[in-house]
Amino acid sequence: MNASEFSDAFISAARSHGDGSEIGNSTLANQSYDKLINVVHKYRLKYGPERELVLPLLSHENSSIRTWAALFSLPIDEKLAIHTLSSVSKEPGIIGFSAKITLAEWNRGVLKIP
């Protein structure tokens, strides 16, 4: 899996997770979560940290993609990731709520990044 394939797969899975979450389709959301984590872990095994690949996704137009990118960016660029999560957390709906909880758990020091 090269960088382009990683980005495409990450974007697809993160978008699908957000779609499933927004419509209340837990099967779609859970399958998309599994795909997303699998993509990240496969890339890490072959190339190491995905850090240079997730940072550009912090400015993606899709809130779910920005939220997932921010989660994986917290150990890399905490300030930028927190800014992204704070911005998304102001949006209505489940994605905004998810960003708010992610940020709160990070601030409490209990967030585990997959």
Protein backbone atom coordinates (compact mmCIF):
# COMPACT_ATOMS: atom_id res chain seq x y z
CA MET A 1 0.00 0.00 0.00
CA ASN A 2 1.53 3.26 -1.11
CA ALA A 3 0.72 6.77 0.09
CA SER A 4 -1.97 7.39 -2.51
CA GLU A 5 -3.68 4.08 -1.78
CA PHE A 6 -3.52 4.84 1.94
CA SER A 7 -5.15 8.24 1.50
CA ASP A 8 -7.86 6.87 -0.78
CA ALA A 9 -8.67 3.98 1.58
CA PHE A 10 -8.56 6.23 4.68
CA ILE A 11 -10.88 8.77 3.06
CA SER A 12 -13.29 6.10 1.86
CA ALA A 13 -13.51 4.34 5.22
CA ALA A 14 -13.74 7.56 7.26
CA ARG A 15 -16.46 8.95 4.99
CA SER A 16 -18.39 5.68 5.12
CA HIS A 17 -18.09 5.58 8.92
CA GLY A 18 -19.51 9.08 9.13
CA ASP A 19 -22.34 8.22 6.75
CA GLY A 20 -23.24 5.12 8.77
CA SER A 21 -23.09 7.07 12.01
CA GLU A 22 -25.27 9.89 10.70
CA ILE A 23 -28.03 7.59 9.46
CA GLY A 24 -27.86 5.29 12.48
CA ASN A 25 -26.58 2.29 10.52
CA SER A 26 -24.32 0.67 13.12
CA THR A 27 -23.39 -2.19 10.78
CA LEU A 28 -22.02 0.22 8.18
CA ALA A 29 -20.31 2.35 10.83
CA ASN A 30 -18.69 -0.67 12.50
CA GLN A 31 -17.55 -2.22 9.21
CA SER A 32 -16.10 1.13 8.16
CA TYR A 33 -14.32 1.50 11.49
CA ASP A 34 -12.74 -1.93 11.02
CA LYS A 35 -11.63 -0.99 7.49
CA LEU A 36 -10.17 2.30 8.68
CA ILE A 37 -8.17 0.72 11.49
CA ASN A 38 -7.00 -2.03 9.15
CA VAL A 39 -5.77 0.55 6.62
CA VAL A 40 -3.81 2.43 9.28
CA HIS A 41 -2.29 -0.73 10.75
CA LYS A 42 -1.32 -2.16 7.34
CA TYR A 43 0.43 1.08 6.42
CA ARG A 44 2.23 1.24 9.77
CA LEU A 45 3.50 -2.32 9.42
CA LYS A 46 4.98 -1.66 5.98
CA TYR A 47 6.11 1.97 6.19
CA GLY A 48 5.98 3.11 9.80
CA PRO A 49 3.91 5.99 11.17
CA GLU A 50 1.30 7.48 8.88
CA ARG A 51 2.01 10.99 10.14
CA GLU A 52 2.83 12.70 6.85
CA LEU A 53 -0.32 11.29 5.31
CA VAL A 54 -3.00 12.23 7.85
CA LEU A 55 -2.05 15.87 8.41
CA PRO A 56 -3.27 17.05 4.97
CA LEU A 57 -6.64 15.40 5.68
CA LEU A 58 -7.25 17.82 8.55
CA SER A 59 -8.49 20.32 5.98
CA HIS A 60 -10.72 17.90 4.05
CA GLU A 61 -14.25 19.18 3.43
CA ASN A 62 -15.85 16.11 5.05
CA SER A 63 -16.22 16.42 8.84
CA SER A 64 -15.88 12.70 9.47
CA ILE A 65 -12.61 12.55 7.54
CA ARG A 66 -11.31 15.60 9.43
CA THR A 67 -12.30 14.04 12.77
CA TRP A 68 -10.57 10.73 12.02
CA ALA A 69 -7.49 12.53 10.68
CA ALA A 70 -7.42 14.65 13.84
CA LEU A 71 -7.59 11.56 16.05
CA PHE A 72 -4.53 10.06 14.37
CA SER A 73 -2.80 13.47 14.31
CA LEU A 74 -3.03 14.13 18.05
CA PRO A 75 0.39 12.58 18.81
CA ILE A 76 1.92 14.26 15.74
CA ASP A 77 0.64 17.84 15.84
CA GLU A 78 -1.50 18.17 18.93
CA LYS A 79 -2.26 21.86 18.46
CA LEU A 80 -3.52 21.46 14.90
CA ALA A 81 -5.47 18.29 15.76
CA ILE A 82 -7.14 19.98 18.73
CA HIS A 83 -8.01 22.98 16.57
CA THR A 84 -9.63 20.63 14.03
CA LEU A 85 -11.56 18.69 16.68
CA SER A 86 -12.72 21.94 18.30
CA SER A 87 -13.97 23.22 14.97
CA VAL A 88 -15.84 20.01 14.11
CA SER A 89 -17.25 19.77 17.65
CA LYS A 90 -19.27 22.93 16.98
CA GLU A 91 -21.13 21.24 14.12
CA PRO A 92 -24.54 19.71 14.79
CA GLY A 93 -25.07 15.97 14.70
CA ILE A 94 -23.21 12.84 15.63
CA ILE A 95 -19.92 13.80 13.94
CA GLY A 96 -19.72 17.04 15.91
CA PHE A 97 -20.60 15.16 19.10
CA SER A 98 -17.94 12.53 18.35
CA ALA A 99 -15.30 15.23 17.87
CA LYS A 100 -16.35 16.81 21.17
CA ILE A 101 -16.03 13.50 23.05
CA THR A 102 -12.71 12.69 21.36
CA LEU A 103 -11.33 16.05 22.45
CA ALA A 104 -12.66 15.65 25.99
CA GLU A 105 -11.15 12.18 26.34
CA TRP A 106 -7.80 13.43 25.00
CA ASN A 107 -7.82 16.31 27.49
CA ARG A 108 -8.58 13.85 30.33
CA GLY A 109 -5.62 11.72 29.23
CA VAL A 110 -7.68 8.58 28.67
CA LEU A 111 -8.02 8.50 24.89
CA LYS A 112 -6.45 5.43 23.31
CA ILE A 113 -5.53 5.90 19.69
CA PRO A 114 -5.95 2.65 17.77
